[in-house]
Amino acid sequence: MDAKPYVHKILKPDGTMVDCSPAGEYFTLEELQAAMDGGWVENINLAGGFVMIIDEEGKLKELPPNNLATELVGAPGVSIVGNALVCLDKGEELG
């Protein structure tokens, strides 16, 4: 049985979404850090088994709010800032 294909998107604070792919089968720490513009990364588990990667120190760095990523998390009191990398099943719509 073939592995389930995924589409990875970087959600930017300005509302744009950019496709991205790991160089290998999985993202390396360095690739995740580059998608977040450097620094520590943190993962957030989303509904349906999806994962969002964010800059752990984004609020300390005073990064701009990311409304689309915040909406996707959907948890009261949680606000996402800066870039967010999301793994989505192919065929799923985001935004």
N, C-alpha and C. Protein backbone atom coordinates (compact mmCIF):
# COMPACT_ATOMS: atom_id res chain seq x y z
N MET A 1 0.85 -1.18 0.00
CA MET A 1 0.00 0.00 0.00
C MET A 1 0.89 1.24 0.00
N ASP A 2 0.57 2.20 -0.85
CA ASP A 2 1.35 3.43 -0.94
C ASP A 2 1.05 4.34 0.25
N ALA A 3 2.07 5.11 0.63
CA ALA A 3 1.89 6.09 1.70
C ALA A 3 0.91 7.17 1.24
N LYS A 4 0.18 7.73 2.18
CA LYS A 4 -0.80 8.77 1.86
C LYS A 4 -0.07 10.05 1.48
N PRO A 5 -0.40 10.64 0.32
CA PRO A 5 0.29 11.87 -0.11
C PRO A 5 -0.16 13.08 0.70
N TYR A 6 0.75 14.00 0.88
CA TYR A 6 0.45 15.22 1.62
C TYR A 6 0.86 16.44 0.82
N VAL A 7 0.19 17.54 1.08
CA VAL A 7 0.57 18.85 0.58
C VAL A 7 0.94 19.67 1.80
N HIS A 8 2.08 20.34 1.74
CA HIS A 8 2.53 21.18 2.84
C HIS A 8 2.38 22.64 2.41
N LYS A 9 1.87 23.48 3.28
CA LYS A 9 1.68 24.90 2.99
C LYS A 9 2.30 25.74 4.09
N ILE A 10 2.93 26.84 3.68
CA ILE A 10 3.34 27.86 4.63
C ILE A 10 2.27 28.94 4.58
N LEU A 11 1.63 29.19 5.72
CA LEU A 11 0.64 30.26 5.85
C LEU A 11 1.37 31.49 6.34
N LYS A 12 1.30 32.54 5.57
CA LYS A 12 2.01 33.77 5.93
C LYS A 12 1.06 34.76 6.59
N PRO A 13 1.58 35.66 7.43
CA PRO A 13 0.72 36.62 8.12
C PRO A 13 -0.11 37.51 7.18
N ASP A 14 0.36 37.72 5.94
CA ASP A 14 -0.40 38.56 5.01
C ASP A 14 -1.54 37.80 4.33
N GLY A 15 -1.74 36.52 4.73
CA GLY A 15 -2.84 35.74 4.19
C GLY A 15 -2.48 34.87 2.99
N THR A 16 -1.27 34.99 2.48
CA THR A 16 -0.86 34.16 1.36
C THR A 16 -0.46 32.78 1.85
N MET A 17 -0.56 31.81 0.93
CA MET A 17 -0.15 30.44 1.22
C MET A 17 0.85 30.02 0.15
N VAL A 18 1.92 29.38 0.57
CA VAL A 18 2.99 28.95 -0.33
C VAL A 18 3.18 27.44 -0.18
N ASP A 19 3.15 26.71 -1.30
CA ASP A 19 3.45 25.28 -1.26
C ASP A 19 4.92 25.08 -0.90
N CYS A 20 5.21 24.04 -0.16
CA CYS A 20 6.59 23.70 0.15
C CYS A 20 6.70 22.19 0.32
N SER A 21 7.90 21.69 0.13
CA SER A 21 8.15 20.26 0.26
C SER A 21 9.49 20.04 0.94
N PRO A 22 9.61 18.95 1.69
CA PRO A 22 10.92 18.63 2.27
C PRO A 22 11.86 18.15 1.18
N ALA A 23 13.15 18.29 1.40
CA ALA A 23 14.14 17.81 0.44
C ALA A 23 14.11 16.28 0.36
N GLY A 24 13.83 15.64 1.49
CA GLY A 24 13.74 14.18 1.54
C GLY A 24 12.33 13.76 1.83
N GLU A 25 12.19 12.63 2.52
CA GLU A 25 10.86 12.13 2.87
C GLU A 25 10.20 12.98 3.96
N TYR A 26 11.03 13.52 4.87
CA TYR A 26 10.53 14.32 5.98
C TYR A 26 11.29 15.64 6.04
N PHE A 27 10.67 16.66 6.67
CA PHE A 27 11.36 17.92 6.89
C PHE A 27 12.46 17.73 7.92
N THR A 28 13.60 18.35 7.69
CA THR A 28 14.66 18.39 8.70
C THR A 28 14.40 19.57 9.61
N LEU A 29 15.06 19.59 10.76
CA LEU A 29 14.93 20.72 11.66
C LEU A 29 15.34 22.01 10.95
N GLU A 30 16.41 21.94 10.17
CA GLU A 30 16.88 23.13 9.46
C GLU A 30 15.84 23.64 8.46
N GLU A 31 15.14 22.73 7.78
CA GLU A 31 14.09 23.15 6.82
C GLU A 31 12.92 23.80 7.56
N LEU A 32 12.56 23.23 8.72
CA LEU A 32 11.48 23.83 9.50
C LEU A 32 11.86 25.21 10.00
N GLN A 33 13.09 25.34 10.48
CA GLN A 33 13.56 26.64 10.96
C GLN A 33 13.58 27.65 9.82
N ALA A 34 13.99 27.24 8.64
CA ALA A 34 14.01 28.16 7.48
C ALA A 34 12.59 28.61 7.13
N ALA A 35 11.62 27.72 7.22
CA ALA A 35 10.23 28.09 6.93
C ALA A 35 9.69 29.10 7.95
N MET A 36 10.26 29.05 9.17
CA MET A 36 9.83 29.98 10.22
C MET A 36 10.74 31.21 10.29
N ASP A 37 11.63 31.35 9.35
CA ASP A 37 12.61 32.45 9.34
C ASP A 37 13.57 32.35 10.52
N GLY A 38 13.93 31.13 10.91
CA GLY A 38 14.93 30.92 11.97
C GLY A 38 14.30 30.73 13.33
N GLY A 39 15.11 30.27 14.27
CA GLY A 39 14.66 30.15 15.66
C GLY A 39 14.13 28.78 16.02
N TRP A 40 13.57 28.71 17.22
CA TRP A 40 12.99 27.49 17.75
C TRP A 40 11.66 27.23 17.08
N VAL A 41 11.34 25.96 16.87
CA VAL A 41 10.04 25.61 16.29
C VAL A 41 9.20 24.86 17.31
N GLU A 42 7.91 25.00 17.18
CA GLU A 42 6.96 24.34 18.06
C GLU A 42 5.88 23.72 17.19
N ASN A 43 5.41 22.52 17.54
CA ASN A 43 4.32 21.93 16.77
C ASN A 43 3.02 22.01 17.53
N ILE A 44 1.94 22.17 16.78
CA ILE A 44 0.59 22.20 17.32
C ILE A 44 -0.19 21.11 16.59
N ASN A 45 -0.78 20.20 17.33
CA ASN A 45 -1.61 19.16 16.72
C ASN A 45 -2.97 19.74 16.40
N LEU A 46 -3.40 19.53 15.17
CA LEU A 46 -4.69 20.04 14.70
C LEU A 46 -5.67 18.88 14.54
N ALA A 47 -6.94 19.21 14.35
CA ALA A 47 -7.96 18.20 14.10
C ALA A 47 -7.60 17.38 12.87
N GLY A 48 -8.02 16.14 12.86
CA GLY A 48 -7.82 15.28 11.71
C GLY A 48 -6.40 14.77 11.54
N GLY A 49 -5.57 14.94 12.57
CA GLY A 49 -4.20 14.44 12.49
C GLY A 49 -3.23 15.38 11.78
N PHE A 50 -3.66 16.57 11.44
CA PHE A 50 -2.77 17.54 10.81
C PHE A 50 -1.88 18.18 11.86
N VAL A 51 -0.77 18.76 11.41
CA VAL A 51 0.19 19.40 12.31
C VAL A 51 0.54 20.78 11.79
N MET A 52 0.67 21.73 12.70
CA MET A 52 1.12 23.09 12.37
C MET A 52 2.44 23.32 13.09
N ILE A 53 3.42 23.85 12.36
CA ILE A 53 4.71 24.21 12.94
C ILE A 53 4.79 25.74 12.99
N ILE A 54 5.14 26.28 14.15
CA ILE A 54 5.23 27.73 14.30
C ILE A 54 6.56 28.10 14.96
N ASP A 55 6.86 29.39 14.97
CA ASP A 55 8.04 29.91 15.67
C ASP A 55 7.68 30.02 17.15
N GLU A 56 8.35 29.23 17.96
CA GLU A 56 8.06 29.19 19.39
C GLU A 56 8.21 30.56 20.05
N GLU A 57 9.12 31.38 19.55
CA GLU A 57 9.38 32.69 20.14
C GLU A 57 8.75 33.84 19.34
N GLY A 58 7.78 33.51 18.50
CA GLY A 58 7.16 34.50 17.62
C GLY A 58 6.59 35.72 18.35
N LYS A 59 5.95 35.48 19.48
CA LYS A 59 5.37 36.60 20.23
C LYS A 59 6.46 37.46 20.87
N LEU A 60 7.52 36.81 21.35
CA LEU A 60 8.64 37.56 21.92
C LEU A 60 9.32 38.42 20.85
N LYS A 61 9.35 37.90 19.62
CA LYS A 61 9.96 38.63 18.49
C LYS A 61 9.01 39.66 17.91
N GLU A 62 7.77 39.71 18.45
CA GLU A 62 6.73 40.63 18.00
C GLU A 62 6.44 40.46 16.50
N LEU A 63 6.33 39.18 16.09
CA LEU A 63 5.97 38.89 14.70
C LEU A 63 4.51 39.27 14.46
N PRO A 64 4.15 39.57 13.21
CA PRO A 64 2.77 39.97 12.92
C PRO A 64 1.78 38.82 13.11
N PRO A 65 0.54 39.15 13.47
CA PRO A 65 -0.48 38.12 13.67
C PRO A 65 -0.76 37.36 12.37
N ASN A 66 -1.06 36.09 12.52
CA ASN A 66 -1.40 35.25 11.38
C ASN A 66 -2.84 34.78 11.59
N ASN A 67 -3.78 35.53 11.04
CA ASN A 67 -5.20 35.26 11.28
C ASN A 67 -5.65 33.92 10.73
N LEU A 68 -5.17 33.55 9.54
CA LEU A 68 -5.57 32.27 8.95
C LEU A 68 -5.10 31.10 9.81
N ALA A 69 -3.86 31.14 10.27
CA ALA A 69 -3.34 30.08 11.13
C ALA A 69 -4.09 30.03 12.46
N THR A 70 -4.39 31.20 13.02
CA THR A 70 -5.14 31.27 14.27
C THR A 70 -6.51 30.64 14.10
N GLU A 71 -7.18 30.95 12.99
CA GLU A 71 -8.50 30.39 12.71
C GLU A 71 -8.43 28.88 12.56
N LEU A 72 -7.39 28.40 11.91
CA LEU A 72 -7.23 26.97 11.71
C LEU A 72 -7.03 26.23 13.03
N VAL A 73 -6.30 26.82 13.98
CA VAL A 73 -6.11 26.21 15.30
C VAL A 73 -7.45 26.12 16.02
N GLY A 74 -8.22 27.21 15.97
CA GLY A 74 -9.58 27.21 16.50
C GLY A 74 -9.71 27.01 18.00
N ALA A 75 -8.68 27.35 18.76
CA ALA A 75 -8.75 27.20 20.21
C ALA A 75 -8.90 28.58 20.86
N PRO A 76 -9.85 28.72 21.78
CA PRO A 76 -10.02 30.01 22.45
C PRO A 76 -8.73 30.47 23.13
N GLY A 77 -8.40 31.73 22.97
CA GLY A 77 -7.24 32.30 23.63
C GLY A 77 -5.91 32.04 22.93
N VAL A 78 -5.92 31.27 21.83
CA VAL A 78 -4.69 30.98 21.10
C VAL A 78 -4.60 31.90 19.89
N SER A 79 -3.49 32.60 19.78
CA SER A 79 -3.27 33.43 18.59
C SER A 79 -1.89 33.09 18.04
N ILE A 80 -1.83 32.87 16.73
CA ILE A 80 -0.60 32.50 16.05
C ILE A 80 0.00 33.74 15.42
N VAL A 81 1.32 33.86 15.49
CA VAL A 81 2.03 34.97 14.85
C VAL A 81 3.12 34.42 13.94
N GLY A 82 3.48 35.19 12.93
CA GLY A 82 4.52 34.77 12.00
C GLY A 82 4.06 33.67 11.07
N ASN A 83 5.01 33.08 10.37
CA ASN A 83 4.71 31.99 9.44
C ASN A 83 4.25 30.75 10.19
N ALA A 84 3.42 29.94 9.53
CA ALA A 84 2.98 28.66 10.09
C ALA A 84 3.03 27.64 8.96
N LEU A 85 3.69 26.53 9.20
CA LEU A 85 3.77 25.44 8.23
C LEU A 85 2.73 24.41 8.61
N VAL A 86 1.86 24.05 7.64
CA VAL A 86 0.78 23.11 7.91
C VAL A 86 0.87 21.95 6.93
N CYS A 87 0.73 20.74 7.45
CA CYS A 87 0.65 19.54 6.62
C CYS A 87 -0.82 19.22 6.40
N LEU A 88 -1.24 19.17 5.14
CA LEU A 88 -2.62 18.90 4.77
C LEU A 88 -2.70 17.69 3.87
N ASP A 89 -3.81 16.92 3.95
CA ASP A 89 -4.05 15.87 2.98
C ASP A 89 -4.28 16.50 1.62
N LYS A 90 -3.78 15.86 0.56
CA LYS A 90 -4.07 16.35 -0.79
C LYS A 90 -5.58 16.35 -0.99
N GLY A 91 -6.07 17.38 -1.66
CA GLY A 91 -7.50 17.48 -1.92
C GLY A 91 -8.22 18.31 -0.87
N GLU A 92 -7.64 18.51 0.28
CA GLU A 92 -8.24 19.35 1.29
C GLU A 92 -8.09 20.81 0.89
N GLU A 93 -9.08 21.60 1.20
CA GLU A 93 -9.05 23.03 0.91
C GLU A 93 -8.69 23.78 2.17
N LEU A 94 -7.87 24.79 2.02
CA LEU A 94 -7.52 25.65 3.15
C LEU A 94 -7.74 27.08 2.75
N GLY A 95 -8.66 27.75 3.42
CA GLY A 95 -8.92 29.16 3.15
C GLY A 95 -9.69 29.42 1.89
